Protein backbone atom coordinates (compact mmCIF):
# COMPACT_ATOMS: atom_id res chain seq x y z
CA MET A 1 -82.66 -17.05 14.39
CA THR A 2 -82.18 -13.39 14.87
CA TYR A 3 -79.80 -11.52 17.15
CA ASP A 4 -78.39 -8.11 17.44
CA VAL A 5 -74.83 -9.41 17.27
CA ILE A 6 -73.44 -12.77 16.14
CA ILE A 7 -70.02 -13.54 17.59
CA VAL A 8 -68.02 -16.34 16.03
CA GLY A 9 -65.75 -17.95 18.66
CA GLY A 10 -66.06 -18.29 22.50
CA GLY A 11 -62.60 -17.35 23.66
CA ILE A 12 -61.69 -14.19 25.56
CA ALA A 13 -62.16 -11.97 22.52
CA GLY A 14 -65.62 -13.32 21.81
CA LEU A 15 -66.95 -13.42 25.36
CA SER A 16 -65.46 -9.96 26.09
CA THR A 17 -67.37 -8.66 22.96
CA ALA A 18 -70.45 -10.46 24.12
CA VAL A 19 -70.45 -9.18 27.66
CA ARG A 20 -69.87 -5.64 26.52
CA CYS A 21 -72.76 -5.99 24.09
CA THR A 22 -75.13 -6.92 26.95
CA GLU A 23 -73.87 -3.83 28.91
CA LEU A 24 -74.90 -1.75 25.92
CA ASP A 25 -78.38 -3.31 25.68
CA LEU A 26 -77.57 -5.48 22.60
CA LYS A 27 -78.61 -9.21 22.34
CA PRO A 28 -75.51 -11.23 21.34
CA ILE A 29 -75.10 -14.88 20.52
CA VAL A 30 -71.68 -16.50 20.74
CA LEU A 31 -71.20 -19.49 18.26
CA GLU A 32 -68.44 -21.81 19.67
CA LYS A 33 -67.45 -24.87 17.70
CA GLY A 34 -66.18 -26.68 20.86
CA GLU A 35 -68.85 -28.88 22.43
CA PRO A 36 -67.74 -29.48 26.07
CA ALA A 37 -68.62 -26.85 28.69
CA ASP A 38 -64.94 -26.25 29.25
CA TYR A 39 -64.08 -26.26 25.55
CA PRO A 40 -60.45 -25.75 24.80
CA CYS A 41 -59.16 -22.47 23.47
CA ASN A 42 -55.93 -20.53 23.72
CA ALA A 43 -57.10 -18.25 26.42
CA ARG A 44 -57.76 -21.26 28.79
CA PHE A 45 -54.34 -22.62 28.08
CA SER A 46 -52.51 -19.42 28.56
CA GLY A 47 -50.38 -18.31 31.43
CA GLY A 48 -52.85 -15.59 32.30
CA ILE A 49 -50.41 -12.78 32.13
CA VAL A 50 -52.24 -9.59 31.06
CA HIS A 51 -49.85 -6.88 29.75
CA VAL A 52 -49.31 -4.60 26.70
CA ALA A 53 -45.80 -4.76 25.23
CA GLU A 54 -44.36 -6.24 28.43
CA LYS A 55 -45.55 -3.11 30.23
CA GLU A 56 -48.05 -3.36 33.01
CA MET A 57 -51.64 -2.27 32.25
CA ARG A 58 -51.55 0.93 34.34
CA ALA A 59 -48.32 2.19 32.96
CA PRO A 60 -48.44 5.72 31.41
CA GLU A 61 -49.65 5.57 27.86
CA ALA A 62 -46.46 7.37 26.63
CA ASP A 63 -44.33 4.62 28.19
CA ILE A 64 -46.37 1.81 26.61
CA LEU A 65 -46.07 3.57 23.24
CA ALA A 66 -42.34 3.86 23.61
CA LYS A 67 -42.03 0.20 24.39
CA ILE A 68 -44.30 -0.70 21.35
CA ASP A 69 -42.01 1.44 19.16
CA HIS A 70 -39.01 -0.41 20.64
CA LEU A 71 -40.37 -3.90 19.93
CA THR A 72 -41.63 -2.88 16.43
CA ASP A 73 -38.72 -0.82 15.34
CA GLY A 74 -40.48 2.46 15.45
CA VAL A 75 -43.60 1.62 13.43
CA GLY A 76 -46.17 0.39 16.06
CA SER A 77 -47.23 3.62 17.90
CA GLY A 78 -48.05 5.27 14.51
CA GLY A 79 -50.59 2.57 13.54
CA LEU A 80 -53.14 0.32 14.87
CA ALA A 81 -51.13 -0.93 17.78
CA ALA A 82 -51.49 2.47 19.42
CA ILE A 83 -55.09 1.37 20.50
CA MET A 84 -53.30 -1.07 22.86
CA ALA A 85 -51.67 1.71 24.75
CA ALA A 86 -54.78 4.00 24.76
CA ASP A 87 -57.01 1.23 26.17
CA ALA A 88 -54.78 -0.68 28.42
CA GLU A 89 -56.01 0.60 31.73
CA LYS A 90 -59.57 0.71 30.58
CA ALA A 91 -59.38 -2.99 29.60
CA LEU A 92 -57.85 -3.88 33.04
CA ASP A 93 -60.58 -2.01 34.90
CA TRP A 94 -63.33 -3.71 32.75
CA LEU A 95 -61.93 -7.11 33.42
CA ARG A 96 -61.75 -6.47 37.20
CA GLY A 97 -65.32 -5.23 37.03
CA ASN A 98 -66.46 -8.41 35.43
CA GLY A 99 -65.03 -10.75 37.91
CA ALA A 100 -61.30 -11.18 36.97
CA LYS A 101 -59.10 -11.72 39.89
CA PHE A 102 -55.37 -10.84 39.75
CA ILE A 103 -52.18 -11.45 41.66
CA LYS A 104 -48.69 -9.94 41.19
CA GLY A 105 -46.83 -12.94 39.61
CA GLY A 106 -43.26 -11.71 39.98
CA ALA A 107 -40.78 -8.92 40.24
CA ILE A 108 -40.64 -8.09 36.60
CA GLU A 109 -43.15 -5.58 35.28
CA LEU A 110 -44.51 -8.12 32.80
CA MET A 111 -45.90 -10.11 35.67
CA ARG A 112 -47.78 -7.40 37.46
CA TRP A 113 -51.22 -8.62 36.42
CA VAL A 114 -51.57 -12.30 36.44
CA LEU A 115 -55.12 -13.93 36.47
CA ALA A 116 -55.83 -15.81 39.71
CA PRO A 117 -55.64 -18.46 40.71
CA PRO A 118 -52.36 -18.63 38.87
CA ARG A 119 -50.84 -21.69 37.07
CA PRO A 120 -48.73 -23.89 39.24
CA ARG A 121 -45.01 -23.21 39.07
CA ARG A 122 -44.20 -26.42 37.17
CA PRO A 123 -43.94 -27.67 33.70
CA GLY A 124 -46.83 -29.06 31.59
CA LEU A 125 -50.38 -28.11 30.84
CA ASP A 126 -52.54 -27.48 33.86
CA TRP A 127 -55.43 -25.07 33.19
CA GLN A 128 -58.59 -26.36 34.78
CA GLY A 129 -59.68 -23.98 37.53
CA ARG A 130 -56.82 -21.57 36.85
CA GLY A 131 -57.18 -17.90 36.24
CA PRO A 132 -57.96 -17.81 32.61
CA ASP A 133 -60.40 -20.73 32.88
CA MET A 134 -62.20 -19.00 35.71
CA LEU A 135 -62.33 -15.70 33.73
CA LEU A 136 -64.05 -17.39 30.86
CA ARG A 137 -66.55 -19.04 33.16
CA ASN A 138 -67.25 -15.69 34.80
CA LEU A 139 -67.65 -13.93 31.50
CA THR A 140 -69.98 -16.66 30.19
CA ALA A 141 -72.25 -16.37 33.26
CA LYS A 142 -72.17 -12.53 33.14
CA MET A 143 -73.16 -12.62 29.35
CA GLU A 144 -76.03 -15.03 29.95
CA ALA A 145 -77.25 -13.10 32.90
CA GLY A 146 -77.37 -10.16 30.61
CA GLY A 147 -79.50 -11.82 28.06
CA GLY A 148 -76.73 -13.24 25.75
CA THR A 149 -76.59 -16.77 24.46
CA LEU A 150 -73.70 -19.26 24.07
CA GLU A 151 -74.15 -22.08 21.67
CA ARG A 152 -71.54 -24.82 21.48
CA GLY A 153 -70.95 -27.30 18.77
CA VAL A 154 -71.65 -24.67 15.97
CA ARG A 155 -69.13 -23.99 13.19
CA GLY A 156 -69.57 -21.13 10.77
CA THR A 157 -69.32 -21.91 7.05
CA ALA A 158 -70.31 -18.71 5.23
CA LEU A 159 -71.26 -15.08 5.83
CA LEU A 160 -74.55 -13.76 4.64
CA GLN A 161 -74.49 -10.41 2.87
CA GLU A 162 -77.40 -8.48 1.47
CA ALA A 163 -77.16 -5.09 -0.29
CA GLY A 164 -73.52 -4.89 0.67
CA LYS A 165 -74.14 -5.42 4.33
CA VAL A 166 -73.20 -8.47 6.34
CA VAL A 167 -76.48 -9.70 7.93
CA GLY A 168 -75.59 -13.20 9.40
CA LEU A 169 -74.04 -16.40 8.75
CA ARG A 170 -74.57 -20.05 7.74
CA ALA A 171 -73.26 -22.69 10.00
CA THR A 172 -73.43 -26.33 10.94
CA ARG A 173 -74.68 -27.68 14.18
CA GLY A 174 -74.96 -31.36 14.95
CA GLY A 175 -74.66 -32.27 11.19
CA GLN A 176 -77.34 -29.85 10.25
CA ASP A 177 -77.22 -26.54 8.38
CA VAL A 178 -78.49 -23.62 10.34
CA GLU A 179 -78.80 -19.83 9.69
CA PHE A 180 -78.18 -16.92 12.08
CA ARG A 181 -79.22 -13.45 11.31
CA GLY A 182 -78.22 -10.26 13.02
CA ARG A 183 -77.25 -6.56 12.74
CA ALA A 184 -73.51 -7.40 12.79
CA VAL A 185 -71.07 -10.36 12.88
CA VAL A 186 -67.89 -10.18 14.87
CA ILE A 187 -65.15 -12.74 13.88
CA CYS A 188 -63.30 -13.88 17.18
CA ASP A 189 -62.41 -17.46 16.32
CA GLY A 190 -58.72 -17.23 17.31
CA GLY A 191 -56.56 -17.35 14.15
CA PHE A 192 -55.58 -20.26 11.90
CA GLN A 193 -52.75 -21.99 13.78
CA GLY A 194 -54.91 -25.18 13.89
CA ASP A 195 -55.26 -25.47 10.07
CA PRO A 196 -52.31 -27.05 8.17
CA GLU A 197 -53.42 -25.72 4.92
CA LEU A 198 -53.39 -22.11 5.98
CA VAL A 199 -50.18 -22.56 8.02
CA ARG A 200 -48.55 -23.87 4.95
CA ARG A 201 -50.01 -21.09 2.86
CA PHE A 202 -48.70 -18.28 5.16
CA ILE A 203 -46.11 -19.46 7.73
CA SER A 204 -44.30 -22.72 7.04
CA PRO A 205 -43.64 -25.26 4.28
CA ARG A 206 -43.86 -27.94 7.07
CA PRO A 207 -46.77 -27.43 9.29
CA ASP A 208 -46.22 -30.94 10.57
CA ALA A 209 -42.84 -29.80 11.96
CA LEU A 210 -44.26 -27.12 14.09
CA PHE A 211 -45.54 -27.98 17.58
CA THR A 212 -48.94 -26.72 18.45
CA ARG A 213 -48.21 -25.03 21.72
CA GLY A 214 -51.80 -23.62 22.28
CA ALA A 215 -55.17 -25.23 22.06
CA GLY A 216 -54.98 -25.58 18.28
CA THR A 217 -58.62 -24.86 17.94
CA GLY A 218 -58.26 -21.73 15.70
CA CYS A 219 -58.77 -23.12 12.20
CA GLY A 220 -59.24 -19.90 10.28
CA ASP A 221 -62.97 -20.32 9.59
CA GLY A 222 -63.60 -16.65 10.18
CA LEU A 223 -60.64 -15.62 7.89
CA ARG A 224 -61.97 -17.78 5.08
CA MET A 225 -65.52 -16.53 5.38
CA ALA A 226 -64.42 -12.91 5.37
CA GLU A 227 -61.84 -13.37 2.65
CA ALA A 228 -64.58 -14.81 0.44
CA LEU A 229 -66.40 -11.53 0.79
CA GLY A 230 -63.29 -9.46 -0.20
CA ALA A 231 -61.85 -8.76 3.25
CA GLN A 232 -58.19 -7.70 3.38
CA LEU A 233 -55.58 -9.84 5.23
CA VAL A 234 -52.43 -8.42 6.90
CA GLY A 235 -49.45 -9.82 8.68
CA THR A 236 -50.35 -13.46 8.13
CA ASP A 237 -46.70 -14.66 7.96
CA ARG A 238 -46.17 -14.11 11.74
CA PHE A 239 -47.22 -16.02 14.84
CA TYR A 240 -46.78 -15.92 18.54
CA GLY A 241 -44.78 -18.85 19.88
CA HIS A 242 -41.71 -20.02 21.63
CA LEU A 243 -38.76 -22.47 21.31
CA LEU A 244 -39.36 -25.77 22.72
CA GLY A 245 -37.35 -29.00 23.02
CA ARG A 246 -37.85 -31.27 20.05
CA GLU A 247 -38.99 -34.11 22.37
CA THR A 248 -42.04 -32.08 23.07
CA PHE A 249 -43.76 -33.96 20.20
CA ASP A 250 -43.62 -37.09 22.40
CA ASN A 251 -43.70 -35.71 25.88
CA GLU A 252 -46.74 -33.68 27.14
CA LYS A 253 -44.71 -32.46 30.13
CA LEU A 254 -42.51 -30.27 28.06
CA TRP A 255 -45.18 -27.77 26.94
CA PRO A 256 -46.29 -25.13 27.02
CA TYR A 257 -43.46 -24.47 29.60
CA PRO A 258 -40.65 -24.47 29.98
CA THR A 259 -39.50 -22.61 26.95
CA ILE A 260 -35.87 -22.41 25.76
CA ASP A 261 -36.02 -18.75 24.62
CA ALA A 262 -33.82 -17.37 27.35
CA ILE A 263 -30.94 -19.78 26.63
CA ALA A 264 -31.25 -19.25 22.84
CA ARG A 265 -31.14 -15.48 23.24
CA ALA A 266 -27.89 -15.65 25.12
CA SER A 267 -26.17 -18.41 23.11
CA ILE A 268 -26.09 -19.50 19.56
CA LEU A 269 -28.42 -21.53 17.26
CA VAL A 270 -26.83 -23.88 14.58
CA ASP A 271 -28.26 -25.88 11.73
CA GLY A 272 -27.33 -29.48 10.72
CA ALA A 273 -24.20 -28.09 9.09
CA GLY A 274 -23.00 -26.36 12.24
CA ASN A 275 -23.72 -22.77 10.91
CA ARG A 276 -25.57 -19.96 12.46
CA LEU A 277 -28.63 -18.79 10.49
CA PHE A 278 -30.32 -16.08 12.71
CA ASP A 279 -29.74 -13.18 14.99
CA GLU A 280 -30.26 -14.97 18.35
CA GLY A 281 -30.49 -11.54 20.13
CA ARG A 282 -33.86 -10.90 18.63
CA GLY A 283 -35.53 -13.35 20.97
CA GLY A 284 -37.37 -16.69 21.04
CA ILE A 285 -40.62 -15.48 19.32
CA TYR A 286 -38.57 -14.10 16.38
CA LEU A 287 -36.44 -17.22 16.24
CA ALA A 288 -39.41 -19.55 16.26
CA ASN A 289 -40.89 -17.64 13.31
CA GLU A 290 -37.60 -17.79 11.39
CA ILE A 291 -37.12 -21.52 12.10
CA ALA A 292 -40.59 -22.26 10.89
CA LYS A 293 -39.77 -20.81 7.54
CA LEU A 294 -36.99 -23.42 6.85
CA ASP A 295 -37.49 -26.28 4.44
CA ASP A 296 -36.92 -28.50 7.48
CA PRO A 297 -37.67 -26.65 10.85
CA LEU A 298 -36.41 -29.69 12.78
CA THR A 299 -32.70 -29.14 12.09
CA ILE A 300 -31.85 -26.46 14.61
CA SER A 301 -30.11 -26.91 17.99
CA VAL A 302 -29.10 -24.38 20.69
CA VAL A 303 -25.48 -24.71 21.85
CA PHE A 304 -24.31 -23.10 25.14
CA ASP A 305 -21.85 -23.67 27.91
CA ASP A 306 -22.03 -24.64 31.62
CA ALA A 307 -21.87 -21.11 32.81
CA VAL A 308 -25.22 -20.54 31.06
CA TRP A 309 -26.83 -23.83 32.17
CA ASN A 310 -26.11 -23.26 35.80
CA GLY A 311 -26.70 -19.48 35.63
CA LEU A 312 -29.22 -18.05 33.20
CA ALA A 313 -31.05 -21.45 32.67
CA ALA A 314 -31.49 -21.69 36.49
CA ASP A 315 -32.96 -18.19 36.86
CA ASN A 316 -36.28 -18.57 38.64
CA ARG A 317 -37.83 -15.24 37.99
CA TYR A 318 -39.99 -16.51 35.24
CA PRO A 319 -40.80 -20.12 36.20
CA PRO A 320 -40.64 -22.89 35.45
CA CYS A 321 -36.92 -22.28 34.79
CA MET A 322 -35.11 -24.64 32.44
CA ASN A 323 -32.63 -25.99 34.94
CA PRO A 324 -33.76 -28.38 36.37
CA ALA A 325 -37.29 -28.47 35.16
CA PHE A 326 -36.60 -29.41 31.65
CA VAL A 327 -34.40 -32.33 32.61
CA ASN A 328 -36.66 -33.48 35.41
CA GLU A 329 -39.62 -33.86 32.97
CA GLY A 330 -37.66 -35.97 30.54
CA GLY A 331 -36.09 -33.33 28.19
CA THR A 332 -32.58 -34.18 26.86
CA VAL A 333 -29.64 -31.72 27.42
CA TYR A 334 -26.69 -33.10 25.53
CA GLU A 335 -23.38 -32.69 27.33
CA ALA A 336 -19.77 -33.14 26.34
CA ASP A 337 -16.23 -31.88 27.41
CA SER A 338 -15.43 -30.79 23.92
CA LEU A 339 -17.34 -29.21 21.14
CA GLU A 340 -16.51 -32.01 18.70
CA ALA A 341 -17.96 -34.65 21.04
CA LEU A 342 -21.04 -32.50 21.59
CA ALA A 343 -21.38 -32.12 17.76
CA ALA A 344 -21.43 -35.93 17.33
CA GLN A 345 -24.34 -36.11 19.69
CA ILE A 346 -26.50 -33.64 17.73
CA ASN A 347 -25.28 -35.01 14.29
CA VAL A 348 -23.38 -31.82 13.41
CA PRO A 349 -19.89 -31.75 11.87
CA GLY A 350 -17.51 -31.22 14.75
CA GLU A 351 -15.06 -28.99 12.94
CA ALA A 352 -17.82 -26.81 11.60
CA LEU A 353 -19.33 -26.34 15.07
CA ALA A 354 -15.96 -25.51 16.62
CA MET A 355 -15.27 -22.87 13.90
CA THR A 356 -18.74 -21.33 14.42
CA VAL A 357 -18.30 -21.24 18.17
CA ALA A 358 -14.80 -19.66 17.82
CA ALA A 359 -16.00 -16.99 15.48
CA PHE A 360 -18.76 -16.13 17.89
CA ASN A 361 -16.53 -16.05 20.93
CA ASN A 362 -13.84 -13.84 19.09
CA ALA A 363 -16.53 -11.45 17.87
CA LEU A 364 -18.00 -11.25 21.39
CA GLU A 365 -14.57 -10.58 23.06
CA GLY A 366 -13.61 -8.12 20.30
CA GLY A 367 -16.84 -6.13 20.44
CA ALA A 368 -17.46 -7.05 16.88
CA LEU A 369 -20.71 -8.94 16.99
CA ALA A 370 -22.18 -6.55 14.43
CA GLY A 371 -19.68 -7.90 11.95
CA LEU A 372 -20.96 -11.47 12.17
CA ASP A 373 -23.09 -13.00 9.40
CA PRO A 374 -25.84 -13.05 10.48
CA ILE A 375 -25.41 -10.02 12.79
CA ARG A 376 -25.87 -10.60 16.57
CA THR A 377 -27.70 -8.04 18.57
CA THR A 378 -27.49 -7.78 22.42
CA ASP A 379 -29.71 -4.82 23.25
CA VAL A 380 -31.95 -6.79 25.54
CA VAL A 381 -29.91 -9.81 26.79
CA PRO A 382 -26.10 -10.00 26.73
CA ALA A 383 -24.50 -12.66 24.63
CA HIS A 384 -22.60 -15.28 26.72
CA PRO A 385 -19.32 -16.79 25.56
CA ILE A 386 -19.28 -20.54 24.95
CA LYS A 387 -16.09 -21.42 26.88
CA THR A 388 -16.81 -23.21 30.12
CA PRO A 389 -17.03 -26.98 29.74
CA PRO A 390 -18.99 -29.16 29.80
CA PHE A 391 -20.67 -27.75 26.68
CA HIS A 392 -24.36 -28.27 26.26
CA ALA A 393 -26.98 -28.50 23.45
CA ILE A 394 -30.74 -28.92 23.08
CA GLU A 395 -32.39 -29.95 19.83
CA LEU A 396 -35.23 -27.44 19.14
CA CYS A 397 -38.69 -27.16 17.60
CA ALA A 398 -40.82 -24.08 16.95
CA GLY A 399 -43.92 -24.10 19.02
CA ILE A 400 -46.83 -22.01 17.60
CA THR A 401 -49.45 -20.69 19.98
CA TYR A 402 -51.55 -18.34 17.87
CA THR A 403 -51.18 -16.50 14.57
CA MET A 404 -50.52 -12.75 14.71
CA GLY A 405 -52.00 -11.83 11.48
CA GLY A 406 -55.49 -12.06 9.96
CA LEU A 407 -58.26 -9.75 9.06
CA THR A 408 -57.45 -6.09 8.65
CA ILE A 409 -59.43 -3.96 11.03
CA ASP A 410 -59.59 -0.15 11.79
CA ALA A 411 -59.53 1.36 15.35
CA GLN A 412 -63.20 0.40 15.77
CA SER A 413 -62.58 -3.17 14.98
CA ARG A 414 -64.45 -2.96 11.64
CA ALA A 415 -63.25 -5.39 9.10
CA LEU A 416 -61.74 -3.71 5.95
CA ASP A 417 -61.91 -4.84 2.39
CA THR A 418 -58.98 -4.87 -0.06
CA ALA A 419 -59.54 -1.12 -0.84
CA GLY A 420 -59.35 -0.23 2.85
CA ALA A 421 -62.98 0.50 3.38
CA PRO A 422 -65.09 -1.04 6.18
CA ILE A 423 -67.29 -4.00 5.15
CA ALA A 424 -70.71 -3.05 6.53
CA GLY A 425 -71.77 -5.24 9.44
CA LEU A 426 -68.53 -7.15 9.75
CA TYR A 427 -66.14 -6.81 12.77
CA ALA A 428 -63.13 -8.74 14.09
CA ALA A 429 -61.35 -9.05 17.35
CA GLY A 430 -58.52 -10.93 19.11
CA SER A 431 -56.34 -13.37 17.21
CA ALA A 432 -58.47 -13.29 14.08
CA THR A 433 -57.15 -9.80 13.34
CA GLY A 434 -53.86 -8.51 12.00
CA GLY A 435 -52.07 -5.20 11.98
CA ILE A 436 -51.30 -4.89 15.64
CA GLU A 437 -48.61 -7.59 16.33
CA GLY A 438 -45.98 -9.16 14.14
CA GLY A 439 -44.01 -7.43 11.44
CA PRO A 440 -40.29 -7.83 10.81
CA ASN A 441 -39.60 -8.43 14.46
CA ALA A 442 -42.48 -10.69 15.12
CA ALA A 443 -43.39 -8.27 17.81
CA TYR A 444 -45.57 -9.69 20.52
CA LEU A 445 -47.75 -7.14 22.34
CA GLY A 446 -50.08 -9.35 24.42
CA GLY A 447 -52.69 -11.85 23.32
CA LEU A 448 -55.10 -11.44 26.12
CA SER A 449 -55.05 -7.72 26.22
CA LYS A 450 -55.40 -7.51 22.44
CA ALA A 451 -58.45 -9.76 22.61
CA VAL A 452 -60.21 -7.65 25.31
CA ILE A 453 -59.29 -4.24 23.73
CA THR A 454 -60.51 -5.09 20.25
CA GLY A 455 -63.59 -6.93 21.60
CA LEU A 456 -64.69 -3.94 23.60
CA ARG A 457 -64.10 -1.66 20.67
CA ALA A 458 -66.13 -3.77 18.32
CA ALA A 459 -69.18 -3.97 20.81
CA GLU A 460 -69.00 -0.17 21.39
CA CYS A 461 -68.91 0.58 17.63
CA ILE A 462 -71.93 -1.78 17.01
CA ALA A 463 -73.83 -0.16 19.69
CA GLU A 464 -73.12 3.39 18.35
CA SER A 465 -73.96 2.51 14.81
């Protein structure tokens, strides 16, 4: 079967690539391993917030670049991440021109463009008929009306290469081997967070101790196929995710929201010995990544006081807020009038916890947080003292949504080999790519916007070539 473009994966990256191909008079086919018409993928499960580096999509390019630099410690705007700032407004206009509806989701800039209809303001997974689901349905219809094809129940197994150029791939469909041929192949299969072997290889010694916060359908098929041809990988040790309550493993109402990031950033995290291990001020995504690296990621708790629980945790600007939603849906918030009693509830030595809290409080009051080990930053959210009883704790787990690293691409979304040269005929977009997000800070720049921007660039490069 011969097509102009073969696209592996039917999420927002794959469908955006396909629709843009039809606009450029190319004949694409999207191969999606999911079989139902509303096959699960991370885009469907998302909150539908379209942004770049927490800036709204029509923000001046210079402002977006500055925020990218802030999140990446000054390295993002000089590299591939710069395409996010360059194409943000174009991507928004393209989405709106292809049926995307938006509302303003809140007062903060991050929430300016939220796909409509929005998710309900309550915990749990509720995606059918919501904005991201409707967007994928609209993109599918637009692609098919333009002559493109979506085949479900197809899983790629190997890329086909002739005379140094990728010319198609082998796949399985209904238990049978099948071959697709085309001018180009675009890998858009959403990362590798759903494959324990790859997660163990790159991210965590205990994949079973990470909660799959997204659809979990990205199994790294595209990464494996491309790596077998000599493709270069980058940034595979980082993922986008959040801190969740440990009971999430047994309670579907506690994911994907509410997250515990805001409480963690203002308070302290301790291990089973009552010691701090991380700079909490660097945020929930960073903390989730660092927890995942531990030999046992299920040993961390967040400790905070009543002022945080009835203040920051009850902040409704980014719902559903922790207090009372987390407790109402069955989450446990431990509570005690003393730190020693609280420590007993979370199986931590009481004296050690009291000493850790005292050191934190003293450093905060004395303006000496930089002297703590590990250091404690406060450039985004102020640190709150742990002084007002009753004291509280929540046992944590790291929730992984999608992997930030993957295939190395250039600014035209061409996949690169280990020498940095484009692999002829091979492209990648969305969460299958690396080099835009991640890094030392586990910088999150926006999964939906990255998918659209890299997908549009891939389609346009194929058309031009």
